[in-house]
PDB file of all heavy atoms in Angstrom:
ATOM      1  N   GLN A   1       0.828  -1.206   0.000  1.00  0.00           N
ATOM      2  CA  GLN A   1       0.000   0.000   0.000  1.00  0.00           C
ATOM      3  C   GLN A   1       0.862   1.255   0.000  1.00  0.00           C
ATOM      4  O   GLN A   1       0.553   2.231  -0.688  1.00  0.00           O
ATOM      5  CB  GLN A   1      -0.946  -0.006   1.208  1.00  0.00           C
ATOM      6  CG  GLN A   1      -2.049  -1.029   1.082  1.00  0.00           C
ATOM      7  CD  GLN A   1      -2.831  -1.214   2.368  1.00  0.00           C
ATOM      8  OE1 GLN A   1      -2.339  -0.953   3.468  1.00  0.00           O
ATOM      9  NE2 GLN A   1      -4.056  -1.698   2.233  1.00  0.00           N
ATOM     10  N   LEU A   2       1.947   1.242   0.746  1.00  0.00           N
ATOM     11  CA  LEU A   2       2.863   2.377   0.794  1.00  0.00           C
ATOM     12  C   LEU A   2       3.494   2.626  -0.578  1.00  0.00           C
ATOM     13  O   LEU A   2       3.547   3.770  -1.041  1.00  0.00           O
ATOM     14  CB  LEU A   2       3.944   2.107   1.842  1.00  0.00           C
ATOM     15  CG  LEU A   2       4.748   3.267   2.364  1.00  0.00           C
ATOM     16  CD1 LEU A   2       3.829   4.281   3.042  1.00  0.00           C
ATOM     17  CD2 LEU A   2       5.785   2.774   3.357  1.00  0.00           C
ATOM     18  N   LEU A   3       3.939   1.558  -1.226  1.00  0.00           N
ATOM     19  CA  LEU A   3       4.524   1.683  -2.566  1.00  0.00           C
ATOM     20  C   LEU A   3       3.488   2.235  -3.548  1.00  0.00           C
ATOM     21  O   LEU A   3       3.778   3.143  -4.327  1.00  0.00           O
ATOM     22  CB  LEU A   3       5.035   0.318  -3.037  1.00  0.00           C
ATOM     23  CG  LEU A   3       5.663   0.267  -4.429  1.00  0.00           C
ATOM     24  CD1 LEU A   3       6.916   1.132  -4.491  1.00  0.00           C
ATOM     25  CD2 LEU A   3       5.983  -1.163  -4.808  1.00  0.00           C
ATOM     26  N   LYS A   4       2.277   1.694  -3.484  1.00  0.00           N
ATOM     27  CA  LYS A   4       1.205   2.153  -4.378  1.00  0.00           C
ATOM     28  C   LYS A   4       0.875   3.623  -4.134  1.00  0.00           C
ATOM     29  O   LYS A   4       0.766   4.407  -5.074  1.00  0.00           O
ATOM     30  CB  LYS A   4      -0.063   1.314  -4.135  1.00  0.00           C
ATOM     31  CG  LYS A   4      -0.461   0.448  -5.277  1.00  0.00           C
ATOM     32  CD  LYS A   4      -1.676  -0.374  -4.948  1.00  0.00           C
ATOM     33  CE  LYS A   4      -2.903   0.493  -4.964  1.00  0.00           C
ATOM     34  NZ  LYS A   4      -4.141  -0.224  -4.806  1.00  0.00           N
ATOM     35  N   ASP A   5       0.721   3.993  -2.877  1.00  0.00           N
ATOM     36  CA  ASP A   5       0.343   5.369  -2.542  1.00  0.00           C
ATOM     37  C   ASP A   5       1.427   6.369  -2.911  1.00  0.00           C
ATOM     38  O   ASP A   5       1.133   7.491  -3.322  1.00  0.00           O
ATOM     39  CB  ASP A   5       0.027   5.484  -1.046  1.00  0.00           C
ATOM     40  CG  ASP A   5      -1.240   4.744  -0.654  1.00  0.00           C
ATOM     41  OD1 ASP A   5      -2.029   4.363  -1.553  1.00  0.00           O
ATOM     42  OD2 ASP A   5      -1.448   4.524   0.557  1.00  0.00           O
ATOM     43  N   ASN A   6       2.687   5.974  -2.778  1.00  0.00           N
ATOM     44  CA  ASN A   6       3.788   6.893  -3.060  1.00  0.00           C
ATOM     45  C   ASN A   6       4.149   6.990  -4.542  1.00  0.00           C
ATOM     46  O   ASN A   6       4.666   8.020  -4.975  1.00  0.00           O
ATOM     47  CB  ASN A   6       5.036   6.490  -2.265  1.00  0.00           C
ATOM     48  CG  ASN A   6       4.869   6.768  -0.790  1.00  0.00           C
ATOM     49  OD1 ASN A   6       4.078   7.607  -0.389  1.00  0.00           O
ATOM     50  ND2 ASN A   6       5.603   6.038   0.032  1.00  0.00           N
ATOM     51  N   ASN A   7       3.893   5.925  -5.310  1.00  0.00           N
ATOM     52  CA  ASN A   7       4.411   5.904  -6.680  1.00  0.00           C
ATOM     53  C   ASN A   7       3.391   5.631  -7.776  1.00  0.00           C
ATOM     54  O   ASN A   7       3.726   5.770  -8.950  1.00  0.00           O
ATOM     55  CB  ASN A   7       5.513   4.839  -6.788  1.00  0.00           C
ATOM     56  CG  ASN A   7       6.653   5.112  -5.841  1.00  0.00           C
ATOM     57  OD1 ASN A   7       7.229   6.183  -5.867  1.00  0.00           O
ATOM     58  ND2 ASN A   7       6.962   4.158  -4.985  1.00  0.00           N
ATOM     59  N   TYR A   8       2.186   5.239  -7.427  1.00  0.00           N
ATOM     60  CA  TYR A   8       1.238   4.802  -8.453  1.00  0.00           C
ATOM     61  C   TYR A   8      -0.137   5.439  -8.311  1.00  0.00           C
ATOM     62  O   TYR A   8      -1.143   4.838  -8.668  1.00  0.00           O
ATOM     63  CB  TYR A   8       1.104   3.268  -8.427  1.00  0.00           C
ATOM     64  CG  TYR A   8       2.363   2.567  -8.863  1.00  0.00           C
ATOM     65  CD1 TYR A   8       3.349   2.231  -7.947  1.00  0.00           C
ATOM     66  CD2 TYR A   8       2.567   2.257 -10.196  1.00  0.00           C
ATOM     67  CE1 TYR A   8       4.513   1.605  -8.345  1.00  0.00           C
ATOM     68  CE2 TYR A   8       3.732   1.630 -10.611  1.00  0.00           C
ATOM     69  CZ  TYR A   8       4.691   1.296  -9.687  1.00  0.00           C
ATOM     70  OH  TYR A   8       5.842   0.683 -10.099  1.00  0.00           O
ATOM     71  N   GLN A   9      -0.219   6.678  -7.820  1.00  0.00           N
ATOM     72  CA  GLN A   9      -1.512   7.330  -7.612  1.00  0.00           C
ATOM     73  C   GLN A   9      -2.242   7.601  -8.922  1.00  0.00           C
ATOM     74  O   GLN A   9      -3.437   7.324  -9.036  1.00  0.00           O
ATOM     75  CB  GLN A   9      -1.339   8.634  -6.836  1.00  0.00           C
ATOM     76  CG  GLN A   9      -0.983   8.410  -5.381  1.00  0.00           C
ATOM     77  CD  GLN A   9      -0.790   9.711  -4.639  1.00  0.00           C
ATOM     78  OE1 GLN A   9      -0.701  10.768  -5.235  1.00  0.00           O
ATOM     79  NE2 GLN A   9      -0.739   9.625  -3.322  1.00  0.00           N
ATOM     80  N   GLU A  10      -1.553   8.146  -9.914  1.00  0.00           N
ATOM     81  CA  GLU A  10      -2.194   8.454 -11.201  1.00  0.00           C
ATOM     82  C   GLU A  10      -2.687   7.188 -11.884  1.00  0.00           C
ATOM     83  O   GLU A  10      -3.788   7.146 -12.418  1.00  0.00           O
ATOM     84  CB  GLU A  10      -1.221   9.202 -12.124  1.00  0.00           C
ATOM     85  CG  GLU A  10      -0.955  10.623 -11.707  1.00  0.00           C
ATOM     86  CD  GLU A  10      -2.213  11.498 -11.696  1.00  0.00           C
ATOM     87  OE1 GLU A  10      -2.986  11.444 -12.674  1.00  0.00           O
ATOM     88  OE2 GLU A  10      -2.421  12.211 -10.708  1.00  0.00           O
ATOM     89  N   GLN A  11      -1.869   6.148 -11.874  1.00  0.00           N
ATOM     90  CA  GLN A  11      -2.247   4.896 -12.506  1.00  0.00           C
ATOM     91  C   GLN A  11      -3.446   4.283 -11.799  1.00  0.00           C
ATOM     92  O   GLN A  11      -4.333   3.718 -12.435  1.00  0.00           O
ATOM     93  CB  GLN A  11      -1.076   3.902 -12.495  1.00  0.00           C
ATOM     94  CG  GLN A  11       0.068   4.296 -13.377  1.00  0.00           C
ATOM     95  CD  GLN A  11       0.991   5.355 -12.774  1.00  0.00           C
ATOM     96  OE1 GLN A  11       0.891   5.701 -11.603  1.00  0.00           O
ATOM     97  NE2 GLN A  11       1.882   5.893 -13.580  1.00  0.00           N
ATOM     98  N   ASN A  12      -3.492   4.420 -10.480  1.00  0.00           N
ATOM     99  CA  ASN A  12      -4.609   3.877  -9.717  1.00  0.00           C
ATOM    100  C   ASN A  12      -5.914   4.589 -10.082  1.00  0.00           C
ATOM    101  O   ASN A  12      -6.966   3.951 -10.189  1.00  0.00           O
ATOM    102  CB  ASN A  12      -4.329   3.977  -8.216  1.00  0.00           C
ATOM    103  CG  ASN A  12      -5.192   3.037  -7.421  1.00  0.00           C
ATOM    104  OD1 ASN A  12      -5.483   1.928  -7.865  1.00  0.00           O
ATOM    105  ND2 ASN A  12      -5.608   3.473  -6.252  1.00  0.00           N
ATOM    106  N   LYS A  13      -5.842   5.895 -10.305  1.00  0.00           N
ATOM    107  CA  LYS A  13      -7.038   6.646 -10.722  1.00  0.00           C
ATOM    108  C   LYS A  13      -7.549   6.123 -12.060  1.00  0.00           C
ATOM    109  O   LYS A  13      -8.751   5.932 -12.245  1.00  0.00           O
ATOM    110  CB  LYS A  13      -6.726   8.141 -10.838  1.00  0.00           C
ATOM    111  CG  LYS A  13      -6.539   8.840  -9.519  1.00  0.00           C
ATOM    112  CD  LYS A  13      -6.164  10.298  -9.747  1.00  0.00           C
ATOM    113  CE  LYS A  13      -5.747  10.965  -8.450  1.00  0.00           C
ATOM    114  NZ  LYS A  13      -5.252  12.331  -8.675  1.00  0.00           N
ATOM    115  N   VAL A  14      -6.629   5.884 -12.987  1.00  0.00           N
ATOM    116  CA  VAL A  14      -7.020   5.374 -14.311  1.00  0.00           C
ATOM    117  C   VAL A  14      -7.636   3.977 -14.172  1.00  0.00           C
ATOM    118  O   VAL A  14      -8.654   3.673 -14.795  1.00  0.00           O
ATOM    119  CB  VAL A  14      -5.817   5.352 -15.281  1.00  0.00           C
ATOM    120  CG1 VAL A  14      -6.170   4.663 -16.581  1.00  0.00           C
ATOM    121  CG2 VAL A  14      -5.333   6.763 -15.539  1.00  0.00           C
ATOM    122  N   LEU A  15      -7.024   3.132 -13.344  1.00  0.00           N
ATOM    123  CA  LEU A  15      -7.569   1.790 -13.157  1.00  0.00           C
ATOM    124  C   LEU A  15      -8.977   1.830 -12.565  1.00  0.00           C
ATOM    125  O   LEU A  15      -9.837   1.040 -12.959  1.00  0.00           O
ATOM    126  CB  LEU A  15      -6.650   0.956 -12.258  1.00  0.00           C
ATOM    127  CG  LEU A  15      -5.374   0.445 -12.907  1.00  0.00           C
ATOM    128  CD1 LEU A  15      -4.518  -0.296 -11.890  1.00  0.00           C
ATOM    129  CD2 LEU A  15      -5.681  -0.456 -14.084  1.00  0.00           C
ATOM    130  N   LEU A  16      -9.201   2.744 -11.643  1.00  0.00           N
ATOM    131  CA  LEU A  16     -10.550   2.879 -11.070  1.00  0.00           C
ATOM    132  C   LEU A  16     -11.551   3.300 -12.142  1.00  0.00           C
ATOM    133  O   LEU A  16     -12.682   2.812 -12.176  1.00  0.00           O
ATOM    134  CB  LEU A  16     -10.552   3.884  -9.912  1.00  0.00           C
ATOM    135  CG  LEU A  16      -9.862   3.423  -8.635  1.00  0.00           C
ATOM    136  CD1 LEU A  16      -9.774   4.566  -7.624  1.00  0.00           C
ATOM    137  CD2 LEU A  16     -10.584   2.236  -8.035  1.00  0.00           C
ATOM    138  N   GLN A  17     -11.125   4.205 -13.023  1.00  0.00           N
ATOM    139  CA  GLN A  17     -12.004   4.617 -14.123  1.00  0.00           C
ATOM    140  C   GLN A  17     -12.267   3.441 -15.063  1.00  0.00           C
ATOM    141  O   GLN A  17     -13.403   3.239 -15.501  1.00  0.00           O
ATOM    142  CB  GLN A  17     -11.385   5.779 -14.898  1.00  0.00           C
ATOM    143  CG  GLN A  17     -11.348   7.064 -14.110  1.00  0.00           C
ATOM    144  CD  GLN A  17     -10.540   8.158 -14.810  1.00  0.00           C
ATOM    145  OE1 GLN A  17      -9.745   7.893 -15.708  1.00  0.00           O
ATOM    146  NE2 GLN A  17     -10.746   9.397 -14.388  1.00  0.00           N
ATOM    147  N   LEU A  18     -11.242   2.665 -15.359  1.00  0.00           N
ATOM    148  CA  LEU A  18     -11.421   1.498 -16.230  1.00  0.00           C
ATOM    149  C   LEU A  18     -12.321   0.453 -15.575  1.00  0.00           C
ATOM    150  O   LEU A  18     -13.133  -0.183 -16.241  1.00  0.00           O
ATOM    151  CB  LEU A  18     -10.061   0.873 -16.573  1.00  0.00           C
ATOM    152  CG  LEU A  18      -9.165   1.681 -17.504  1.00  0.00           C
ATOM    153  CD1 LEU A  18      -7.789   1.026 -17.611  1.00  0.00           C
ATOM    154  CD2 LEU A  18      -9.803   1.825 -18.872  1.00  0.00           C
ATOM    155  N   HIS A  19     -12.153   0.288 -14.275  1.00  0.00           N
ATOM    156  CA  HIS A  19     -12.971  -0.678 -13.536  1.00  0.00           C
ATOM    157  C   HIS A  19     -14.455  -0.315 -13.612  1.00  0.00           C
ATOM    158  O   HIS A  19     -15.307  -1.193 -13.670  1.00  0.00           O
ATOM    159  CB  HIS A  19     -12.504  -0.755 -12.078  1.00  0.00           C
ATOM    160  CG  HIS A  19     -13.187  -1.804 -11.283  1.00  0.00           C
ATOM    161  ND1 HIS A  19     -12.994  -3.138 -11.524  1.00  0.00           N
ATOM    162  CD2 HIS A  19     -14.077  -1.721 -10.271  1.00  0.00           C
ATOM    163  CE1 HIS A  19     -13.732  -3.837 -10.676  1.00  0.00           C
ATOM    164  NE2 HIS A  19     -14.390  -3.003  -9.912  1.00  0.00           N
ATOM    165  N   ALA A  20     -14.752   0.970 -13.653  1.00  0.00           N
ATOM    166  CA  ALA A  20     -16.147   1.416 -13.742  1.00  0.00           C
ATOM    167  C   ALA A  20     -16.795   0.951 -15.044  1.00  0.00           C
ATOM    168  O   ALA A  20     -18.004   0.699 -15.087  1.00  0.00           O
ATOM    169  CB  ALA A  20     -16.226   2.935 -13.619  1.00  0.00           C
ATOM    170  N   PHE A  21     -15.998   0.793 -16.102  1.00  0.00           N
ATOM    171  CA  PHE A  21     -16.552   0.343 -17.381  1.00  0.00           C
ATOM    172  C   PHE A  21     -17.069  -1.094 -17.304  1.00  0.00           C
ATOM    173  O   PHE A  21     -17.937  -1.471 -18.074  1.00  0.00           O
ATOM    174  CB  PHE A  21     -15.515   0.458 -18.500  1.00  0.00           C
ATOM    175  CG  PHE A  21     -15.093   1.871 -18.790  1.00  0.00           C
ATOM    176  CD1 PHE A  21     -13.767   2.168 -19.031  1.00  0.00           C
ATOM    177  CD2 PHE A  21     -16.013   2.908 -18.815  1.00  0.00           C
ATOM    178  CE1 PHE A  21     -13.365   3.472 -19.302  1.00  0.00           C
ATOM    179  CE2 PHE A  21     -15.626   4.211 -19.077  1.00  0.00           C
ATOM    180  CZ  PHE A  21     -14.306   4.489 -19.320  1.00  0.00           C
ATOM    181  N   LYS A  22     -16.516  -1.885 -16.385  1.00  0.00           N
ATOM    182  CA  LYS A  22     -16.971  -3.267 -16.227  1.00  0.00           C
ATOM    183  C   LYS A  22     -18.424  -3.328 -15.748  1.00  0.00           C
ATOM    184  O   LYS A  22     -19.100  -4.318 -15.950  1.00  0.00           O
ATOM    185  CB  LYS A  22     -16.091  -4.004 -15.222  1.00  0.00           C
ATOM    186  CG  LYS A  22     -14.705  -4.310 -15.718  1.00  0.00           C
ATOM    187  CD  LYS A  22     -13.861  -4.823 -14.595  1.00  0.00           C
ATOM    188  CE  LYS A  22     -13.614  -6.290 -14.706  1.00  0.00           C
ATOM    189  NZ  LYS A  22     -12.781  -6.787 -13.611  1.00  0.00           N
ATOM    190  N   HIS A  23     -18.870  -2.263 -15.104  1.00  0.00           N
ATOM    191  CA  HIS A  23     -20.199  -2.274 -14.482  1.00  0.00           C
ATOM    192  C   HIS A  23     -21.265  -1.595 -15.343  1.00  0.00           C
ATOM    193  O   HIS A  23     -22.358  -1.315 -14.857  1.00  0.00           O
ATOM    194  CB  HIS A  23     -20.132  -1.629 -13.101  1.00  0.00           C
ATOM    195  CG  HIS A  23     -19.178  -2.335 -12.181  1.00  0.00           C
ATOM    196  ND1 HIS A  23     -19.415  -3.598 -11.687  1.00  0.00           N
ATOM    197  CD2 HIS A  23     -17.957  -1.985 -11.707  1.00  0.00           C
ATOM    198  CE1 HIS A  23     -18.412  -3.982 -10.935  1.00  0.00           C
ATOM    199  NE2 HIS A  23     -17.499  -3.014 -10.938  1.00  0.00           N
ATOM    200  N   ILE A  24     -20.960  -1.334 -16.589  1.00  0.00           N
ATOM    201  CA  ILE A  24     -21.965  -0.750 -17.481  1.00  0.00           C
ATOM    202  C   ILE A  24     -23.057  -1.787 -17.704  1.00  0.00           C
ATOM    203  O   ILE A  24     -22.775  -2.954 -17.986  1.00  0.00           O
ATOM    204  CB  ILE A  24     -21.318  -0.311 -18.820  1.00  0.00           C
ATOM    205  CG1 ILE A  24     -20.374   0.866 -18.569  1.00  0.00           C
ATOM    206  CG2 ILE A  24     -22.381   0.056 -19.852  1.00  0.00           C
ATOM    207  CD1 ILE A  24     -19.591   1.299 -19.790  1.00  0.00           C
ATOM    208  N   GLN A  25     -24.288  -1.368 -17.596  1.00  0.00           N
ATOM    209  CA  GLN A  25     -25.439  -2.279 -17.725  1.00  0.00           C
ATOM    210  C   GLN A  25     -25.702  -2.549 -19.205  1.00  0.00           C
ATOM    211  O   GLN A  25     -26.447  -1.814 -19.867  1.00  0.00           O
ATOM    212  CB  GLN A  25     -26.664  -1.677 -17.050  1.00  0.00           C
ATOM    213  CG  GLN A  25     -26.459  -1.414 -15.579  1.00  0.00           C
ATOM    214  CD  GLN A  25     -27.597  -0.602 -14.988  1.00  0.00           C
ATOM    215  OE1 GLN A  25     -28.474  -0.123 -15.690  1.00  0.00           O
ATOM    216  NE2 GLN A  25     -27.573  -0.463 -13.676  1.00  0.00           N
ATOM    217  N   MET A  26     -25.123  -3.623 -19.714  1.00  0.00           N
ATOM    218  CA  MET A  26     -25.188  -3.944 -21.143  1.00  0.00           C
ATOM    219  C   MET A  26     -26.625  -4.232 -21.612  1.00  0.00           C
ATOM    220  O   MET A  26     -26.941  -4.019 -22.777  1.00  0.00           O
ATOM    221  CB  MET A  26     -24.304  -5.152 -21.468  1.00  0.00           C
ATOM    222  CG  MET A  26     -22.854  -4.959 -21.102  1.00  0.00           C
ATOM    223  SD  MET A  26     -22.102  -3.715 -22.142  1.00  0.00           S
ATOM    224  CE  MET A  26     -20.467  -3.642 -21.463  1.00  0.00           C
ATOM    225  N   ASP A  27     -27.480  -4.713 -20.731  1.00  0.00           N
ATOM    226  CA  ASP A  27     -28.855  -5.072 -21.106  1.00  0.00           C
ATOM    227  C   ASP A  27     -29.823  -3.903 -21.012  1.00  0.00           C
ATOM    228  O   ASP A  27     -30.987  -4.028 -21.388  1.00  0.00           O
ATOM    229  CB  ASP A  27     -29.364  -6.207 -20.197  1.00  0.00           C
ATOM    230  CG  ASP A  27     -28.598  -7.497 -20.424  1.00  0.00           C
ATOM    231  OD1 ASP A  27     -28.079  -7.687 -21.539  1.00  0.00           O
ATOM    232  OD2 ASP A  27     -28.519  -8.317 -19.489  1.00  0.00           O
ATOM    233  N   ASN A  28     -29.372  -2.771 -20.512  1.00  0.00           N
ATOM    234  CA  ASN A  28     -30.245  -1.619 -20.300  1.00  0.00           C
ATOM    235  C   ASN A  28     -30.403  -0.842 -21.609  1.00  0.00           C
ATOM    236  O   ASN A  28     -29.430  -0.348 -22.186  1.00  0.00           O
ATOM    237  CB  ASN A  28     -29.634  -0.739 -19.205  1.00  0.00           C
ATOM    238  CG  ASN A  28     -30.531   0.396 -18.795  1.00  0.00           C
ATOM    239  OD1 ASN A  28     -31.185   1.026 -19.629  1.00  0.00           O
ATOM    240  ND2 ASN A  28     -30.546   0.672 -17.499  1.00  0.00           N
ATOM    241  N   PHE A  29     -31.653  -0.696 -22.067  1.00  0.00           N
ATOM    242  CA  PHE A  29     -31.951  -0.031 -23.335  1.00  0.00           C
ATOM    243  C   PHE A  29     -31.508   1.437 -23.318  1.00  0.00           C
ATOM    244  O   PHE A  29     -30.970   1.939 -24.302  1.00  0.00           O
ATOM    245  CB  PHE A  29     -33.461  -0.125 -23.628  1.00  0.00           C
ATOM    246  CG  PHE A  29     -33.842   0.401 -24.971  1.00  0.00           C
ATOM    247  CD1 PHE A  29     -33.615  -0.345 -26.117  1.00  0.00           C
ATOM    248  CD2 PHE A  29     -34.416   1.660 -25.103  1.00  0.00           C
ATOM    249  CE1 PHE A  29     -33.951   0.144 -27.369  1.00  0.00           C
ATOM    250  CE2 PHE A  29     -34.751   2.164 -26.348  1.00  0.00           C
ATOM    251  CZ  PHE A  29     -34.523   1.402 -27.486  1.00  0.00           C
ATOM    252  N   VAL A  30     -31.693   2.130 -22.187  1.00  0.00           N
ATOM    253  CA  VAL A  30     -31.286   3.533 -22.072  1.00  0.00           C
ATOM    254  C   VAL A  30     -29.769   3.639 -22.202  1.00  0.00           C
ATOM    255  O   VAL A  30     -29.252   4.516 -22.911  1.00  0.00           O
ATOM    256  CB  VAL A  30     -31.779   4.143 -20.730  1.00  0.00           C
ATOM    257  CG1 VAL A  30     -31.220   5.536 -20.521  1.00  0.00           C
ATOM    258  CG2 VAL A  30     -33.301   4.147 -20.672  1.00  0.00           C
ATOM    259  N   VAL A  31     -29.059   2.753 -21.545  1.00  0.00           N
ATOM    260  CA  VAL A  31     -27.594   2.747 -21.615  1.00  0.00           C
ATOM    261  C   VAL A  31     -27.155   2.492 -23.052  1.00  0.00           C
ATOM    262  O   VAL A  31     -26.241   3.162 -23.565  1.00  0.00           O
ATOM    263  CB  VAL A  31     -26.995   1.692 -20.653  1.00  0.00           C
ATOM    264  CG1 VAL A  31     -25.507   1.500 -20.901  1.00  0.00           C
ATOM    265  CG2 VAL A  31     -27.245   2.093 -19.205  1.00  0.00           C
ATOM    266  N   GLN A  32     -27.788   1.544 -23.723  1.00  0.00           N
ATOM    267  CA  GLN A  32     -27.440   1.230 -25.106  1.00  0.00           C
ATOM    268  C   GLN A  32     -27.633   2.458 -26.007  1.00  0.00           C
ATOM    269  O   GLN A  32     -26.764   2.793 -26.815  1.00  0.00           O
ATOM    270  CB  GLN A  32     -28.283   0.058 -25.607  1.00  0.00           C
ATOM    271  CG  GLN A  32     -27.957  -1.247 -24.916  1.00  0.00           C
ATOM    272  CD  GLN A  32     -28.972  -2.343 -25.201  1.00  0.00           C
ATOM    273  OE1 GLN A  32     -30.017  -2.103 -25.818  1.00  0.00           O
ATOM    274  NE2 GLN A  32     -28.671  -3.553 -24.749  1.00  0.00           N
ATOM    275  N   SER A  33     -28.760   3.148 -25.838  1.00  0.00           N
ATOM    276  CA  SER A  33     -29.059   4.316 -26.662  1.00  0.00           C
ATOM    277  C   SER A  33     -28.070   5.456 -26.392  1.00  0.00           C
ATOM    278  O   SER A  33     -27.551   6.078 -27.313  1.00  0.00           O
ATOM    279  CB  SER A  33     -30.490   4.786 -26.407  1.00  0.00           C
ATOM    280  OG  SER A  33     -30.777   5.932 -27.156  1.00  0.00           O
ATOM    281  N   LYS A  34     -27.811   5.727 -25.101  1.00  0.00           N
ATOM    282  CA  LYS A  34     -26.882   6.800 -24.755  1.00  0.00           C
ATOM    283  C   LYS A  34     -25.473   6.496 -25.264  1.00  0.00           C
ATOM    284  O   LYS A  34     -24.772   7.379 -25.744  1.00  0.00           O
ATOM    285  CB  LYS A  34     -26.867   7.004 -23.235  1.00  0.00           C
ATOM    286  CG  LYS A  34     -28.124   7.679 -22.716  1.00  0.00           C
ATOM    287  CD  LYS A  34     -28.153   7.727 -21.204  1.00  0.00           C
ATOM    288  CE  LYS A  34     -27.195   8.736 -20.666  1.00  0.00           C
ATOM    289  NZ  LYS A  34     -27.315   8.924 -19.204  1.00  0.00           N
ATOM    290  N   ALA A  35     -25.075   5.227 -25.175  1.00  0.00           N
ATOM    291  CA  ALA A  35     -23.743   4.835 -25.646  1.00  0.00           C
ATOM    292  C   ALA A  35     -23.618   5.058 -27.150  1.00  0.00           C
ATOM    293  O   ALA A  35     -22.594   5.553 -27.631  1.00  0.00           O
ATOM    294  CB  ALA A  35     -23.467   3.376 -25.290  1.00  0.00           C
ATOM    295  N   LEU A  36     -24.655   4.717 -27.882  1.00  0.00           N
ATOM    296  CA  LEU A  36     -24.641   4.962 -29.328  1.00  0.00           C
ATOM    297  C   LEU A  36     -24.564   6.452 -29.627  1.00  0.00           C
ATOM    298  O   LEU A  36     -23.854   6.884 -30.539  1.00  0.00           O
ATOM    299  CB  LEU A  36     -25.878   4.356 -29.996  1.00  0.00           C
ATOM    300  CG  LEU A  36     -25.835   2.849 -30.219  1.00  0.00           C
ATOM    301  CD1 LEU A  36     -27.185   2.352 -30.706  1.00  0.00           C
ATOM    302  CD2 LEU A  36     -24.734   2.484 -31.199  1.00  0.00           C
ATOM    303  N   TRP A  37     -25.287   7.253 -28.868  1.00  0.00           N
ATOM    304  CA  TRP A  37     -25.285   8.701 -29.057  1.00  0.00           C
ATOM    305  C   TRP A  37     -23.898   9.290 -28.793  1.00  0.00           C
ATOM    306  O   TRP A  37     -23.452  10.211 -29.459  1.00  0.00           O
ATOM    307  CB  TRP A  37     -26.345   9.335 -28.140  1.00  0.00           C
ATOM    308  CG  TRP A  37     -26.537  10.788 -28.390  1.00  0.00           C
ATOM    309  CD1 TRP A  37     -27.278  11.371 -29.373  1.00  0.00           C
ATOM    310  CD2 TRP A  37     -25.961  11.867 -27.646  1.00  0.00           C
ATOM    311  NE1 TRP A  37     -27.198  12.739 -29.288  1.00  0.00           N
ATOM    312  CE2 TRP A  37     -26.387  13.074 -28.225  1.00  0.00           C
ATOM    313  CE3 TRP A  37     -25.119  11.931 -26.532  1.00  0.00           C
ATOM    314  CZ2 TRP A  37     -26.016  14.313 -27.744  1.00  0.00           C
ATOM    315  CZ3 TRP A  37     -24.747  13.166 -26.056  1.00  0.00           C
ATOM    316  CH2 TRP A  37     -25.195  14.348 -26.664  1.00  0.00           C
ATOM    317  N   GLU A  38     -23.182   8.731 -27.791  1.00  0.00           N
ATOM    318  CA  GLU A  38     -21.851   9.217 -27.421  1.00  0.00           C
ATOM    319  C   GLU A  38     -20.743   8.657 -28.311  1.00  0.00           C
ATOM    320  O   GLU A  38     -19.617   9.165 -28.307  1.00  0.00           O
ATOM    321  CB  GLU A  38     -21.553   8.848 -25.958  1.00  0.00           C
ATOM    322  CG  GLU A  38     -22.465   9.516 -24.965  1.00  0.00           C
ATOM    323  CD  GLU A  38     -22.359   8.907 -23.562  1.00  0.00           C
ATOM    324  OE1 GLU A  38     -21.545   7.984 -23.348  1.00  0.00           O
ATOM    325  OE2 GLU A  38     -23.106   9.369 -22.684  1.00  0.00           O
ATOM    326  N   LEU A  39     -21.039   7.596 -29.084  1.00  0.00           N
ATOM    327  CA  LEU A  39     -20.008   6.918 -29.857  1.00  0.00           C
ATOM    328  C   LEU A  39     -19.261   7.816 -30.842  1.00  0.00           C
ATOM    329  O   LEU A  39     -18.027   7.752 -30.892  1.00  0.00           O
ATOM    330  CB  LEU A  39     -20.602   5.703 -30.594  1.00  0.00           C
ATOM    331  CG  LEU A  39     -19.605   4.885 -31.416  1.00  0.00           C
ATOM    332  CD1 LEU A  39     -18.458   4.376 -30.561  1.00  0.00           C
ATOM    333  CD2 LEU A  39     -20.321   3.736 -32.106  1.00  0.00           C
TER     334      LEU A  39
END
């Protein structure tokens, strides 16, 4: 944790953002439509 906190803060932020993509509701029609609009 000390190594991560001292040297990998920016990378950890990016990983958290990437991790959020795993939780996109693929079956949700609204999500599908908004994703197409943003594509």
